[in-house]
Amino acid sequence: MYEQIKQLRKSLGMSQEKFAKEIGLTKNFISLVETGQRNLSTQSIKLICQLFNVDVEWLETGNGEMFIQKTENEKIAEFLADVLKAGEKDQRYRFIAAISELDENDWNTIRKLAEKLVKK
């Protein structure tokens, strides 16, 4: 698994220090994992898979694809969950709240504007 950890970290563009911090470990421990001198706990493996959308089979065996492919609905649901968690002061929250008030005519106007922008 140590090779997959190193490959994943580099794919994410993270230093050992940043990767370790994201999963609650130390840089030294990640260095030892990447050289095969230490193993990750089951809890750390689950956390890595959850945080970075990594396929557990790939992480443990190297088989399959590194990342789990999400559907558009899953991506939208995660985005909206993040927006709701951020709260009313977040600009994304205010934007979503504003567009939720649009009626059919407003949406037609936006569609027409988008089509004009694409043509330019």
PDB file of N, CA and C in Angstrom:
ATOM      1  N   MET A   1       0.813  -1.195   0.000  1.00  0.00           N
ATOM      2  CA  MET A   1       0.000   0.000   0.000  1.00  0.00           C
ATOM      3  C   MET A   1       0.864   1.270   0.000  1.00  0.00           C
ATOM      4  N   TYR A   2       2.105   1.147   0.449  1.00  0.00           N
ATOM      5  CA  TYR A   2       2.941   2.345   0.557  1.00  0.00           C
ATOM      6  C   TYR A   2       3.134   3.051  -0.785  1.00  0.00           C
ATOM      7  N   GLU A   3       3.180   2.264  -1.873  1.00  0.00           N
ATOM      8  CA  GLU A   3       3.341   2.879  -3.193  1.00  0.00           C
ATOM      9  C   GLU A   3       2.099   3.678  -3.579  1.00  0.00           C
ATOM     10  N   GLN A   4       0.918   3.147  -3.241  1.00  0.00           N
ATOM     11  CA  GLN A   4      -0.324   3.850  -3.565  1.00  0.00           C
ATOM     12  C   GLN A   4      -0.438   5.151  -2.750  1.00  0.00           C
ATOM     13  N   ILE A   5      -0.011   5.123  -1.503  1.00  0.00           N
ATOM     14  CA  ILE A   5      -0.080   6.334  -0.677  1.00  0.00           C
ATOM     15  C   ILE A   5       0.772   7.437  -1.300  1.00  0.00           C
ATOM     16  N   LYS A   6       1.970   7.084  -1.685  1.00  0.00           N
ATOM     17  CA  LYS A   6       2.863   8.076  -2.305  1.00  0.00           C
ATOM     18  C   LYS A   6       2.280   8.578  -3.624  1.00  0.00           C
ATOM     19  N   GLN A   7       1.762   7.653  -4.423  1.00  0.00           N
ATOM     20  CA  GLN A   7       1.174   8.029  -5.713  1.00  0.00           C
ATOM     21  C   GLN A   7      -0.036   8.938  -5.509  1.00  0.00           C
ATOM     22  N   LEU A   8      -0.885   8.602  -4.549  1.00  0.00           N
ATOM     23  CA  LEU A   8      -2.060   9.418  -4.261  1.00  0.00           C
ATOM     24  C   LEU A   8      -1.650  10.814  -3.823  1.00  0.00           C
ATOM     25  N   ARG A   9      -0.735  10.884  -2.878  1.00  0.00           N
ATOM     26  CA  ARG A   9      -0.297  12.184  -2.354  1.00  0.00           C
ATOM     27  C   ARG A   9       0.234  13.066  -3.475  1.00  0.00           C
ATOM     28  N   LYS A  10       1.053  12.488  -4.346  1.00  0.00           N
ATOM     29  CA  LYS A  10       1.609  13.264  -5.457  1.00  0.00           C
ATOM     30  C   LYS A  10       0.523  13.659  -6.448  1.00  0.00           C
ATOM     31  N   SER A  11      -0.430  12.755  -6.675  1.00  0.00           N
ATOM     32  CA  SER A  11      -1.545  13.061  -7.568  1.00  0.00           C
ATOM     33  C   SER A  11      -2.372  14.228  -7.040  1.00  0.00           C
ATOM     34  N   LEU A  12      -2.483  14.312  -5.728  1.00  0.00           N
ATOM     35  CA  LEU A  12      -3.219  15.411  -5.098  1.00  0.00           C
ATOM     36  C   LEU A  12      -2.391  16.692  -5.031  1.00  0.00           C
ATOM     37  N   GLY A  13      -1.119  16.603  -5.379  1.00  0.00           N
ATOM     38  CA  GLY A  13      -0.239  17.771  -5.356  1.00  0.00           C
ATOM     39  C   GLY A  13       0.083  18.233  -3.945  1.00  0.00           C
ATOM     40  N   MET A  14       0.155  17.282  -3.019  1.00  0.00           N
ATOM     41  CA  MET A  14       0.388  17.628  -1.621  1.00  0.00           C
ATOM     42  C   MET A  14       1.783  17.197  -1.166  1.00  0.00           C
ATOM     43  N   SER A  15       2.333  17.991  -0.285  1.00  0.00           N
ATOM     44  CA  SER A  15       3.567  17.595   0.386  1.00  0.00           C
ATOM     45  C   SER A  15       3.209  16.539   1.427  1.00  0.00           C
ATOM     46  N   GLN A  16       4.220  15.855   1.934  1.00  0.00           N
ATOM     47  CA  GLN A  16       3.969  14.896   3.007  1.00  0.00           C
ATOM     48  C   GLN A  16       3.366  15.600   4.212  1.00  0.00           C
ATOM     49  N   GLU A  17       3.827  16.795   4.486  1.00  0.00           N
ATOM     50  CA  GLU A  17       3.333  17.548   5.640  1.00  0.00           C
ATOM     51  C   GLU A  17       1.852  17.895   5.489  1.00  0.00           C
ATOM     52  N   LYS A  18       1.467  18.402   4.323  1.00  0.00           N
ATOM     53  CA  LYS A  18       0.065  18.782   4.109  1.00  0.00           C
ATOM     54  C   LYS A  18      -0.838  17.545   4.121  1.00  0.00           C
ATOM     55  N   PHE A  19      -0.414  16.487   3.453  1.00  0.00           N
ATOM     56  CA  PHE A  19      -1.198  15.255   3.418  1.00  0.00           C
ATOM     57  C   PHE A  19      -1.396  14.714   4.829  1.00  0.00           C
ATOM     58  N   ALA A  20      -0.307  14.675   5.592  1.00  0.00           N
ATOM     59  CA  ALA A  20      -0.372  14.181   6.972  1.00  0.00           C
ATOM     60  C   ALA A  20      -1.345  15.012   7.800  1.00  0.00           C
ATOM     61  N   LYS A  21      -1.277  16.318   7.658  1.00  0.00           N
ATOM     62  CA  LYS A  21      -2.155  17.208   8.426  1.00  0.00           C
ATOM     63  C   LYS A  21      -3.619  16.949   8.088  1.00  0.00           C
ATOM     64  N   GLU A  22      -3.907  16.730   6.806  1.00  0.00           N
ATOM     65  CA  GLU A  22      -5.286  16.488   6.365  1.00  0.00           C
ATOM     66  C   GLU A  22      -5.891  15.252   7.023  1.00  0.00           C
ATOM     67  N   ILE A  23      -5.051  14.257   7.287  1.00  0.00           N
ATOM     68  CA  ILE A  23      -5.578  13.010   7.855  1.00  0.00           C
ATOM     69  C   ILE A  23      -5.208  12.838   9.335  1.00  0.00           C
ATOM     70  N   GLY A  24      -4.661  13.882   9.929  1.00  0.00           N
ATOM     71  CA  GLY A  24      -4.391  13.856  11.361  1.00  0.00           C
ATOM     72  C   GLY A  24      -3.182  13.040  11.782  1.00  0.00           C
ATOM     73  N   LEU A  25      -2.196  12.957  10.906  1.00  0.00           N
ATOM     74  CA  LEU A  25      -0.967  12.240  11.228  1.00  0.00           C
ATOM     75  C   LEU A  25       0.222  13.187  11.106  1.00  0.00           C
ATOM     76  N   THR A  26       1.411  12.687  11.403  1.00  0.00           N
ATOM     77  CA  THR A  26       2.600  13.528  11.286  1.00  0.00           C
ATOM     78  C   THR A  26       3.303  13.275   9.955  1.00  0.00           C
ATOM     79  N   LYS A  27       4.089  14.253   9.546  1.00  0.00           N
ATOM     80  CA  LYS A  27       4.884  14.125   8.326  1.00  0.00           C
ATOM     81  C   LYS A  27       5.818  12.923   8.439  1.00  0.00           C
ATOM     82  N   ASN A  28       6.434  12.750   9.591  1.00  0.00           N
ATOM     83  CA  ASN A  28       7.353  11.627   9.781  1.00  0.00           C
ATOM     84  C   ASN A  28       6.650  10.290   9.609  1.00  0.00           C
ATOM     85  N   PHE A  29       5.424  10.180  10.126  1.00  0.00           N
ATOM     86  CA  PHE A  29       4.694   8.929   9.989  1.00  0.00           C
ATOM     87  C   PHE A  29       4.382   8.646   8.528  1.00  0.00           C
ATOM     88  N   ILE A  30       3.949   9.667   7.793  1.00  0.00           N
ATOM     89  CA  ILE A  30       3.660   9.485   6.360  1.00  0.00           C
ATOM     90  C   ILE A  30       4.926   9.079   5.619  1.00  0.00           C
ATOM     91  N   SER A  31       6.048   9.672   5.977  1.00  0.00           N
ATOM     92  CA  SER A  31       7.315   9.291   5.364  1.00  0.00           C
ATOM     93  C   SER A  31       7.608   7.813   5.601  1.00  0.00           C
ATOM     94  N   LEU A  32       7.368   7.333   6.803  1.00  0.00           N
ATOM     95  CA  LEU A  32       7.585   5.920   7.119  1.00  0.00           C
ATOM     96  C   LEU A  32       6.606   5.018   6.375  1.00  0.00           C
ATOM     97  N   VAL A  33       5.366   5.490   6.210  1.00  0.00           N
ATOM     98  CA  VAL A  33       4.375   4.713   5.451  1.00  0.00           C
ATOM     99  C   VAL A  33       4.822   4.599   3.994  1.00  0.00           C
ATOM    100  N   GLU A  34       5.279   5.705   3.427  1.00  0.00           N
ATOM    101  CA  GLU A  34       5.672   5.720   2.014  1.00  0.00           C
ATOM    102  C   GLU A  34       6.917   4.883   1.736  1.00  0.00           C
ATOM    103  N   THR A  35       7.688   4.581   2.763  1.00  0.00           N
ATOM    104  CA  THR A  35       8.864   3.724   2.572  1.00  0.00           C
ATOM    105  C   THR A  35       8.594   2.294   3.030  1.00  0.00           C
ATOM    106  N   GLY A  36       7.340   2.024   3.432  1.00  0.00           N
ATOM    107  CA  GLY A  36       6.953   0.677   3.821  1.00  0.00           C
ATOM    108  C   GLY A  36       7.364   0.281   5.234  1.00  0.00           C
ATOM    109  N   GLN A  37       7.798   1.247   6.028  1.00  0.00           N
ATOM    110  CA  GLN A  37       8.246   0.946   7.388  1.00  0.00           C
ATOM    111  C   GLN A  37       7.115   0.981   8.413  1.00  0.00           C
ATOM    112  N   ARG A  38       5.999   1.587   8.050  1.00  0.00           N
ATOM    113  CA  ARG A  38       4.821   1.644   8.923  1.00  0.00           C
ATOM    114  C   ARG A  38       3.587   1.395   8.075  1.00  0.00           C
ATOM    115  N   ASN A  39       2.512   0.951   8.742  1.00  0.00           N
ATOM    116  CA  ASN A  39       1.238   0.728   8.067  1.00  0.00           C
ATOM    117  C   ASN A  39       0.186   1.681   8.610  1.00  0.00           C
ATOM    118  N   LEU A  40      -0.743   2.034   7.753  1.00  0.00           N
ATOM    119  CA  LEU A  40      -1.862   2.869   8.176  1.00  0.00           C
ATOM    120  C   LEU A  40      -2.897   2.020   8.908  1.00  0.00           C
ATOM    121  N   SER A  41      -3.568   2.638   9.857  1.00  0.00           N
ATOM    122  CA  SER A  41      -4.662   1.962  10.549  1.00  0.00           C
ATOM    123  C   SER A  41      -5.872   1.888   9.624  1.00  0.00           C
ATOM    124  N   THR A  42      -6.789   1.006   9.949  1.00  0.00           N
ATOM    125  CA  THR A  42      -8.036   0.890   9.190  1.00  0.00           C
ATOM    126  C   THR A  42      -8.766   2.227   9.201  1.00  0.00           C
ATOM    127  N   GLN A  43      -8.743   2.907  10.330  1.00  0.00           N
ATOM    128  CA  GLN A  43      -9.407   4.199  10.455  1.00  0.00           C
ATOM    129  C   GLN A  43      -8.777   5.229   9.514  1.00  0.00           C
ATOM    130  N   SER A  44      -7.449   5.245   9.423  1.00  0.00           N
ATOM    131  CA  SER A  44      -6.774   6.189   8.524  1.00  0.00           C
ATOM    132  C   SER A  44      -7.084   5.885   7.067  1.00  0.00           C
ATOM    133  N   ILE A  45      -7.156   4.602   6.734  1.00  0.00           N
ATOM    134  CA  ILE A  45      -7.497   4.212   5.360  1.00  0.00           C
ATOM    135  C   ILE A  45      -8.890   4.689   5.009  1.00  0.00           C
ATOM    136  N   LYS A  46      -9.845   4.480   5.899  1.00  0.00           N
ATOM    137  CA  LYS A  46     -11.222   4.929   5.656  1.00  0.00           C
ATOM    138  C   LYS A  46     -11.281   6.438   5.499  1.00  0.00           C
ATOM    139  N   LEU A  47     -10.532   7.155   6.343  1.00  0.00           N
ATOM    140  CA  LEU A  47     -10.525   8.614   6.282  1.00  0.00           C
ATOM    141  C   LEU A  47      -9.953   9.103   4.961  1.00  0.00           C
ATOM    142  N   ILE A  48      -8.865   8.519   4.523  1.00  0.00           N
ATOM    143  CA  ILE A  48      -8.253   8.900   3.247  1.00  0.00           C
ATOM    144  C   ILE A  48      -9.242   8.689   2.110  1.00  0.00           C
ATOM    145  N   CYS A  49      -9.891   7.532   2.106  1.00  0.00           N
ATOM    146  CA  CYS A  49     -10.860   7.234   1.040  1.00  0.00           C
ATOM    147  C   CYS A  49     -12.015   8.221   1.055  1.00  0.00           C
ATOM    148  N   GLN A  50     -12.478   8.577   2.242  1.00  0.00           N
ATOM    149  CA  GLN A  50     -13.597   9.512   2.360  1.00  0.00           C
ATOM    150  C   GLN A  50     -13.188  10.934   1.973  1.00  0.00           C
ATOM    151  N   LEU A  51     -12.067  11.405   2.478  1.00  0.00           N
ATOM    152  CA  LEU A  51     -11.638  12.787   2.223  1.00  0.00           C
ATOM    153  C   LEU A  51     -11.302  13.040   0.762  1.00  0.00           C
ATOM    154  N   PHE A  52     -10.651  12.066   0.146  1.00  0.00           N
ATOM    155  CA  PHE A  52     -10.122  12.291  -1.198  1.00  0.00           C
ATOM    156  C   PHE A  52     -10.847  11.494  -2.281  1.00  0.00           C
ATOM    157  N   ASN A  53     -11.970  10.854  -1.898  1.00  0.00           N
ATOM    158  CA  ASN A  53     -12.776  10.092  -2.850  1.00  0.00           C
ATOM    159  C   ASN A  53     -11.961   8.992  -3.535  1.00  0.00           C
ATOM    160  N   VAL A  54     -11.182   8.274  -2.727  1.00  0.00           N
ATOM    161  CA  VAL A  54     -10.300   7.225  -3.227  1.00  0.00           C
ATOM    162  C   VAL A  54     -10.981   5.869  -3.102  1.00  0.00           C
ATOM    163  N   ASP A  55     -10.789   5.033  -4.099  1.00  0.00           N
ATOM    164  CA  ASP A  55     -11.326   3.678  -4.077  1.00  0.00           C
ATOM    165  C   ASP A  55     -10.487   2.842  -3.107  1.00  0.00           C
ATOM    166  N   VAL A  56     -11.126   2.249  -2.118  1.00  0.00           N
ATOM    167  CA  VAL A  56     -10.411   1.490  -1.084  1.00  0.00           C
ATOM    168  C   VAL A  56      -9.669   0.299  -1.682  1.00  0.00           C
ATOM    169  N   GLU A  57     -10.240  -0.359  -2.689  1.00  0.00           N
ATOM    170  CA  GLU A  57      -9.550  -1.491  -3.312  1.00  0.00           C
ATOM    171  C   GLU A  57      -8.257  -1.040  -3.962  1.00  0.00           C
ATOM    172  N   TRP A  58      -8.301   0.096  -4.658  1.00  0.00           N
ATOM    173  CA  TRP A  58      -7.078   0.610  -5.281  1.00  0.00           C
ATOM    174  C   TRP A  58      -6.041   0.929  -4.200  1.00  0.00           C
ATOM    175  N   LEU A  59      -6.477   1.574  -3.136  1.00  0.00           N
ATOM    176  CA  LEU A  59      -5.536   1.962  -2.086  1.00  0.00           C
ATOM    177  C   LEU A  59      -4.870   0.736  -1.456  1.00  0.00           C
ATOM    178  N   GLU A  60      -5.640  -0.293  -1.231  1.00  0.00           N
ATOM    179  CA  GLU A  60      -5.102  -1.480  -0.558  1.00  0.00           C
ATOM    180  C   GLU A  60      -4.336  -2.425  -1.481  1.00  0.00           C
ATOM    181  N   THR A  61      -4.740  -2.489  -2.752  1.00  0.00           N
ATOM    182  CA  THR A  61      -4.138  -3.490  -3.651  1.00  0.00           C
ATOM    183  C   THR A  61      -3.476  -2.910  -4.898  1.00  0.00           C
ATOM    184  N   GLY A  62      -3.849  -1.698  -5.256  1.00  0.00           N
ATOM    185  CA  GLY A  62      -3.354  -1.115  -6.503  1.00  0.00           C
ATOM    186  C   GLY A  62      -4.205  -1.480  -7.698  1.00  0.00           C
ATOM    187  N   ASN A  63      -5.261  -2.261  -7.491  1.00  0.00           N
ATOM    188  CA  ASN A  63      -6.147  -2.673  -8.589  1.00  0.00           C
ATOM    189  C   ASN A  63      -7.268  -1.665  -8.779  1.00  0.00           C
ATOM    190  N   GLY A  64      -7.617  -1.415 -10.032  1.00  0.00           N
ATOM    191  CA  GLY A  64      -8.711  -0.508 -10.341  1.00  0.00           C
ATOM    192  C   GLY A  64      -8.251   0.933 -10.487  1.00  0.00           C
ATOM    193  N   GLU A  65      -9.200   1.831 -10.378  1.00  0.00           N
ATOM    194  CA  GLU A  65      -8.932   3.255 -10.531  1.00  0.00           C
ATOM    195  C   GLU A  65      -8.667   3.900  -9.178  1.00  0.00           C
ATOM    196  N   MET A  66      -7.828   4.909  -9.163  1.00  0.00           N
ATOM    197  CA  MET A  66      -7.488   5.597  -7.925  1.00  0.00           C
ATOM    198  C   MET A  66      -8.707   6.272  -7.300  1.00  0.00           C
ATOM    199  N   PHE A  67      -9.434   7.007  -8.110  1.00  0.00           N
ATOM    200  CA  PHE A  67     -10.554   7.789  -7.593  1.00  0.00           C
ATOM    201  C   PHE A  67     -11.896   7.187  -7.992  1.00  0.00           C
ATOM    202  N   ILE A  68     -12.859   7.322  -7.115  1.00  0.00           N
ATOM    203  CA  ILE A  68     -14.229   6.904  -7.386  1.00  0.00           C
ATOM    204  C   ILE A  68     -14.873   8.010  -8.213  1.00  0.00           C
ATOM    205  N   GLN A  69     -15.480   7.629  -9.317  1.00  0.00           N
ATOM    206  CA  GLN A  69     -16.147   8.604 -10.168  1.00  0.00           C
ATOM    207  C   GLN A  69     -17.537   8.898  -9.614  1.00  0.00           C
ATOM    208  N   LYS A  70     -17.827  10.171  -9.407  1.00  0.00           N
ATOM    209  CA  LYS A  70     -19.124  10.575  -8.872  1.00  0.00           C
ATOM    210  C   LYS A  70     -20.049  10.991 -10.008  1.00  0.00           C
ATOM    211  N   THR A  71     -21.339  10.773  -9.791  1.00  0.00           N
ATOM    212  CA  THR A  71     -22.327  11.226 -10.764  1.00  0.00           C
ATOM    213  C   THR A  71     -22.507  12.736 -10.609  1.00  0.00           C
ATOM    214  N   GLU A  72     -23.114  13.350 -11.593  1.00  0.00           N
ATOM    215  CA  GLU A  72     -23.395  14.788 -11.503  1.00  0.00           C
ATOM    216  C   GLU A  72     -24.276  15.084 -10.291  1.00  0.00           C
ATOM    217  N   ASN A  73     -25.266  14.217 -10.032  1.00  0.00           N
ATOM    218  CA  ASN A  73     -26.143  14.424  -8.875  1.00  0.00           C
ATOM    219  C   ASN A  73     -25.363  14.373  -7.569  1.00  0.00           C
ATOM    220  N   GLU A  74     -24.409  13.452  -7.463  1.00  0.00           N
ATOM    221  CA  GLU A  74     -23.585  13.366  -6.258  1.00  0.00           C
ATOM    222  C   GLU A  74     -22.724  14.615  -6.083  1.00  0.00           C
ATOM    223  N   LYS A  75     -22.155  15.111  -7.190  1.00  0.00           N
ATOM    224  CA  LYS A  75     -21.337  16.322  -7.124  1.00  0.00           C
ATOM    225  C   LYS A  75     -22.177  17.520  -6.684  1.00  0.00           C
ATOM    226  N   ILE A  76     -23.379  17.635  -7.250  1.00  0.00           N
ATOM    227  CA  ILE A  76     -24.265  18.747  -6.898  1.00  0.00           C
ATOM    228  C   ILE A  76     -24.688  18.645  -5.435  1.00  0.00           C
ATOM    229  N   ALA A  77     -25.026  17.448  -4.995  1.00  0.00           N
ATOM    230  CA  ALA A  77     -25.444  17.246  -3.603  1.00  0.00           C
ATOM    231  C   ALA A  77     -24.325  17.623  -2.634  1.00  0.00           C
ATOM    232  N   GLU A  78     -23.091  17.249  -2.952  1.00  0.00           N
ATOM    233  CA  GLU A  78     -21.955  17.593  -2.093  1.00  0.00           C
ATOM    234  C   GLU A  78     -21.728  19.103  -2.069  1.00  0.00           C
ATOM    235  N   PHE A  79     -21.842  19.731  -3.246  1.00  0.00           N
ATOM    236  CA  PHE A  79     -21.672  21.180  -3.318  1.00  0.00           C
ATOM    237  C   PHE A  79     -22.715  21.884  -2.461  1.00  0.00           C
ATOM    238  N   LEU A  80     -23.971  21.478  -2.611  1.00  0.00           N
ATOM    239  CA  LEU A  80     -25.039  22.116  -1.840  1.00  0.00           C
ATOM    240  C   LEU A  80     -24.886  21.864  -0.342  1.00  0.00           C
ATOM    241  N   ALA A  81     -24.421  20.692   0.024  1.00  0.00           N
ATOM    242  CA  ALA A  81     -24.172  20.403   1.443  1.00  0.00           C
ATOM    243  C   ALA A  81     -23.094  21.330   1.982  1.00  0.00           C
ATOM    244  N   ASP A  82     -22.038  21.559   1.198  1.00  0.00           N
ATOM    245  CA  ASP A  82     -20.972  22.480   1.612  1.00  0.00           C
ATOM    246  C   ASP A  82     -21.492  23.903   1.746  1.00  0.00           C
ATOM    247  N   VAL A  83     -22.347  24.308   0.811  1.00  0.00           N
ATOM    248  CA  VAL A  83     -22.918  25.662   0.852  1.00  0.00           C
ATOM    249  C   VAL A  83     -23.786  25.835   2.096  1.00  0.00           C
ATOM    250  N   LEU A  84     -24.620  24.856   2.374  1.00  0.00           N
ATOM    251  CA  LEU A  84     -25.478  24.935   3.558  1.00  0.00           C
ATOM    252  C   LEU A  84     -24.656  24.956   4.836  1.00  0.00           C
ATOM    253  N   LYS A  85     -23.597  24.177   4.857  1.00  0.00           N
ATOM    254  CA  LYS A  85     -22.733  24.128   6.032  1.00  0.00           C
ATOM    255  C   LYS A  85     -22.024  25.479   6.236  1.00  0.00           C
ATOM    256  N   ALA A  86     -21.682  26.148   5.136  1.00  0.00           N
ATOM    257  CA  ALA A  86     -20.975  27.430   5.215  1.00  0.00           C
ATOM    258  C   ALA A  86     -21.850  28.512   5.841  1.00  0.00           C
ATOM    259  N   GLY A  87     -23.151  28.451   5.607  1.00  0.00           N
ATOM    260  CA  GLY A  87     -24.065  29.390   6.242  1.00  0.00           C
ATOM    261  C   GLY A  87     -24.376  30.635   5.436  1.00  0.00           C
ATOM    262  N   GLU A  88     -25.247  31.433   6.004  1.00  0.00           N
ATOM    263  CA  GLU A  88     -25.814  32.592   5.319  1.00  0.00           C
ATOM    264  C   GLU A  88     -24.804  33.681   4.971  1.00  0.00           C
ATOM    265  N   LYS A  89     -23.696  33.757   5.638  1.00  0.00           N
ATOM    266  CA  LYS A  89     -22.697  34.794   5.346  1.00  0.00           C
ATOM    267  C   LYS A  89     -21.848  34.444   4.128  1.00  0.00           C
ATOM    268  N   ASP A  90     -21.862  33.190   3.724  1.00  0.00           N
ATOM    269  CA  ASP A  90     -21.072  32.740   2.581  1.00  0.00           C
ATOM    270  C   ASP A  90     -21.692  33.239   1.279  1.00  0.00           C
ATOM    271  N   GLN A  91     -20.858  33.738   0.372  1.00  0.00           N
ATOM    272  CA  GLN A  91     -21.370  34.293  -0.892  1.00  0.00           C
ATOM    273  C   GLN A  91     -22.089  33.238  -1.733  1.00  0.00           C
ATOM    274  N   ARG A  92     -21.625  31.988  -1.664  1.00  0.00           N
ATOM    275  CA  ARG A  92     -22.294  30.925  -2.424  1.00  0.00           C
ATOM    276  C   ARG A  92     -23.700  30.702  -1.891  1.00  0.00           C
ATOM    277  N   TYR A  93     -23.871  30.759  -0.583  1.00  0.00           N
ATOM    278  CA  TYR A  93     -25.182  30.596   0.039  1.00  0.00           C
ATOM    279  C   TYR A  93     -26.129  31.705  -0.429  1.00  0.00           C
ATOM    280  N   ARG A  94     -25.632  32.938  -0.399  1.00  0.00           N
ATOM    281  CA  ARG A  94     -26.468  34.074  -0.818  1.00  0.00           C
ATOM    282  C   ARG A  94     -26.842  33.972  -2.291  1.00  0.00           C
ATOM    283  N   PHE A  95     -25.907  33.487  -3.104  1.00  0.00           N
ATOM    284  CA  PHE A  95     -26.189  33.328  -4.532  1.00  0.00           C
ATOM    285  C   PHE A  95     -27.262  32.265  -4.752  1.00  0.00           C
ATOM    286  N   ILE A  96     -27.126  31.112  -4.109  1.00  0.00           N
ATOM    287  CA  ILE A  96     -28.113  30.037  -4.248  1.00  0.00           C
ATOM    288  C   ILE A  96     -29.479  30.512  -3.760  1.00  0.00           C
ATOM    289  N   ALA A  97     -29.488  31.247  -2.648  1.00  0.00           N
ATOM    290  CA  ALA A  97     -30.749  31.774  -2.125  1.00  0.00           C
ATOM    291  C   ALA A  97     -31.398  32.715  -3.144  1.00  0.00           C
ATOM    292  N   ALA A  98     -30.590  33.544  -3.785  1.00  0.00           N
ATOM    293  CA  ALA A  98     -31.120  34.495  -4.763  1.00  0.00           C
ATOM    294  C   ALA A  98     -31.686  33.775  -5.982  1.00  0.00           C
ATOM    295  N   ILE A  99     -30.974  32.797  -6.506  1.00  0.00           N
ATOM    296  CA  ILE A  99     -31.486  32.124  -7.707  1.00  0.00           C
ATOM    297  C   ILE A  99     -32.681  31.229  -7.392  1.00  0.00           C
ATOM    298  N   SER A 100     -32.831  30.871  -6.133  1.00  0.00           N
ATOM    299  CA  SER A 100     -34.006  30.063  -5.777  1.00  0.00           C
ATOM    300  C   SER A 100     -35.294  30.867  -5.902  1.00  0.00           C
ATOM    301  N   GLU A 101     -35.174  32.174  -5.976  1.00  0.00           N
ATOM    302  CA  GLU A 101     -36.335  33.065  -6.097  1.00  0.00           C
ATOM    303  C   GLU A 101     -36.714  33.354  -7.551  1.00  0.00           C
ATOM    304  N   LEU A 102     -35.919  32.893  -8.506  1.00  0.00           N
ATOM    305  CA  LEU A 102     -36.184  33.194  -9.910  1.00  0.00           C
ATOM    306  C   LEU A 102     -37.414  32.456 -10.416  1.00  0.00           C
ATOM    307  N   ASP A 103     -38.135  33.138 -11.321  1.00  0.00           N
ATOM    308  CA  ASP A 103     -39.282  32.481 -11.947  1.00  0.00           C
ATOM    309  C   ASP A 103     -38.892  32.039 -13.364  1.00  0.00           C
ATOM    310  N   GLU A 104     -39.830  31.463 -14.099  1.00  0.00           N
ATOM    311  CA  GLU A 104     -39.563  30.921 -15.431  1.00  0.00           C
ATOM    312  C   GLU A 104     -39.030  31.977 -16.392  1.00  0.00           C
ATOM    313  N   ASN A 105     -39.586  33.182 -16.341  1.00  0.00           N
ATOM    314  CA  ASN A 105     -39.105  34.265 -17.219  1.00  0.00           C
ATOM    315  C   ASN A 105     -37.663  34.631 -16.910  1.00  0.00           C
ATOM    316  N   ASP A 106     -37.324  34.689 -15.621  1.00  0.00           N
ATOM    317  CA  ASP A 106     -35.943  34.994 -15.231  1.00  0.00           C
ATOM    318  C   ASP A 106     -34.982  33.939 -15.782  1.00  0.00           C
ATOM    319  N   TRP A 107     -35.366  32.648 -15.666  1.00  0.00           N
ATOM    320  CA  TRP A 107     -34.513  31.570 -16.156  1.00  0.00           C
ATOM    321  C   TRP A 107     -34.346  31.637 -17.671  1.00  0.00           C
ATOM    322  N   ASN A 108     -35.396  32.018 -18.388  1.00  0.00           N
ATOM    323  CA  ASN A 108     -35.293  32.175 -19.843  1.00  0.00           C
ATOM    324  C   ASN A 108     -34.327  33.290 -20.200  1.00  0.00           C
ATOM    325  N   THR A 109     -34.373  34.376 -19.445  1.00  0.00           N
ATOM    326  CA  THR A 109     -33.464  35.501 -19.671  1.00  0.00           C
ATOM    327  C   THR A 109     -32.012  35.066 -19.438  1.00  0.00           C
ATOM    328  N   ILE A 110     -31.783  34.339 -18.381  1.00  0.00           N
ATOM    329  CA  ILE A 110     -30.429  33.855 -18.077  1.00  0.00           C
ATOM    330  C   ILE A 110     -29.948  32.905 -19.168  1.00  0.00           C
ATOM    331  N   ARG A 111     -30.825  32.017 -19.628  1.00  0.00           N
ATOM    332  CA  ARG A 111     -30.453  31.082 -20.699  1.00  0.00           C
ATOM    333  C   ARG A 111     -30.047  31.844 -21.952  1.00  0.00           C
ATOM    334  N   LYS A 112     -30.824  32.861 -22.324  1.00  0.00           N
ATOM    335  CA  LYS A 112     -30.519  33.644 -23.521  1.00  0.00           C
ATOM    336  C   LYS A 112     -29.183  34.369 -23.372  1.00  0.00           C
ATOM    337  N   LEU A 113     -28.941  34.930 -22.196  1.00  0.00           N
ATOM    338  CA  LEU A 113     -27.675  35.601 -21.939  1.00  0.00           C
ATOM    339  C   LEU A 113     -26.511  34.614 -22.054  1.00  0.00           C
ATOM    340  N   ALA A 114     -26.666  33.445 -21.491  1.00  0.00           N
ATOM    341  CA  ALA A 114     -25.615  32.425 -21.553  1.00  0.00           C
ATOM    342  C   ALA A 114     -25.339  32.028 -22.996  1.00  0.00           C
ATOM    343  N   GLU A 115     -26.387  31.878 -23.783  1.00  0.00           N
ATOM    344  CA  GLU A 115     -26.205  31.527 -25.197  1.00  0.00           C
ATOM    345  C   GLU A 115     -25.445  32.608 -25.936  1.00  0.00           C
ATOM    346  N   LYS A 116     -25.720  33.881 -25.656  1.00  0.00           N
ATOM    347  CA  LYS A 116     -24.997  34.975 -26.290  1.00  0.00           C
ATOM    348  C   LYS A 116     -23.526  34.959 -25.877  1.00  0.00           C
ATOM    349  N   LEU A 117     -23.263  34.698 -24.615  1.00  0.00           N
ATOM    350  CA  LEU A 117     -21.887  34.667 -24.132  1.00  0.00           C
ATOM    351  C   LEU A 117     -21.084  33.535 -24.771  1.00  0.00           C
ATOM    352  N   VAL A 118     -21.725  32.408 -24.977  1.00  0.00           N
ATOM    353  CA  VAL A 118     -21.053  31.249 -25.588  1.00  0.00           C
ATOM    354  C   VAL A 118     -20.702  31.557 -27.044  1.00  0.00           C
ATOM    355  N   LYS A 119     -21.526  32.309 -27.731  1.00  0.00           N
ATOM    356  CA  LYS A 119     -21.304  32.626 -29.136  1.00  0.00           C
ATOM    357  C   LYS A 119     -20.099  33.556 -29.323  1.00  0.00           C
ATOM    358  N   LYS A 120     -19.781  34.360 -28.308  1.00  0.00           N
ATOM    359  CA  LYS A 120     -18.686  35.334 -28.438  1.00  0.00           C
ATOM    360  C   LYS A 120     -17.347  34.708 -28.291  1.00  0.00           C
TER     361      LYS A 120
END
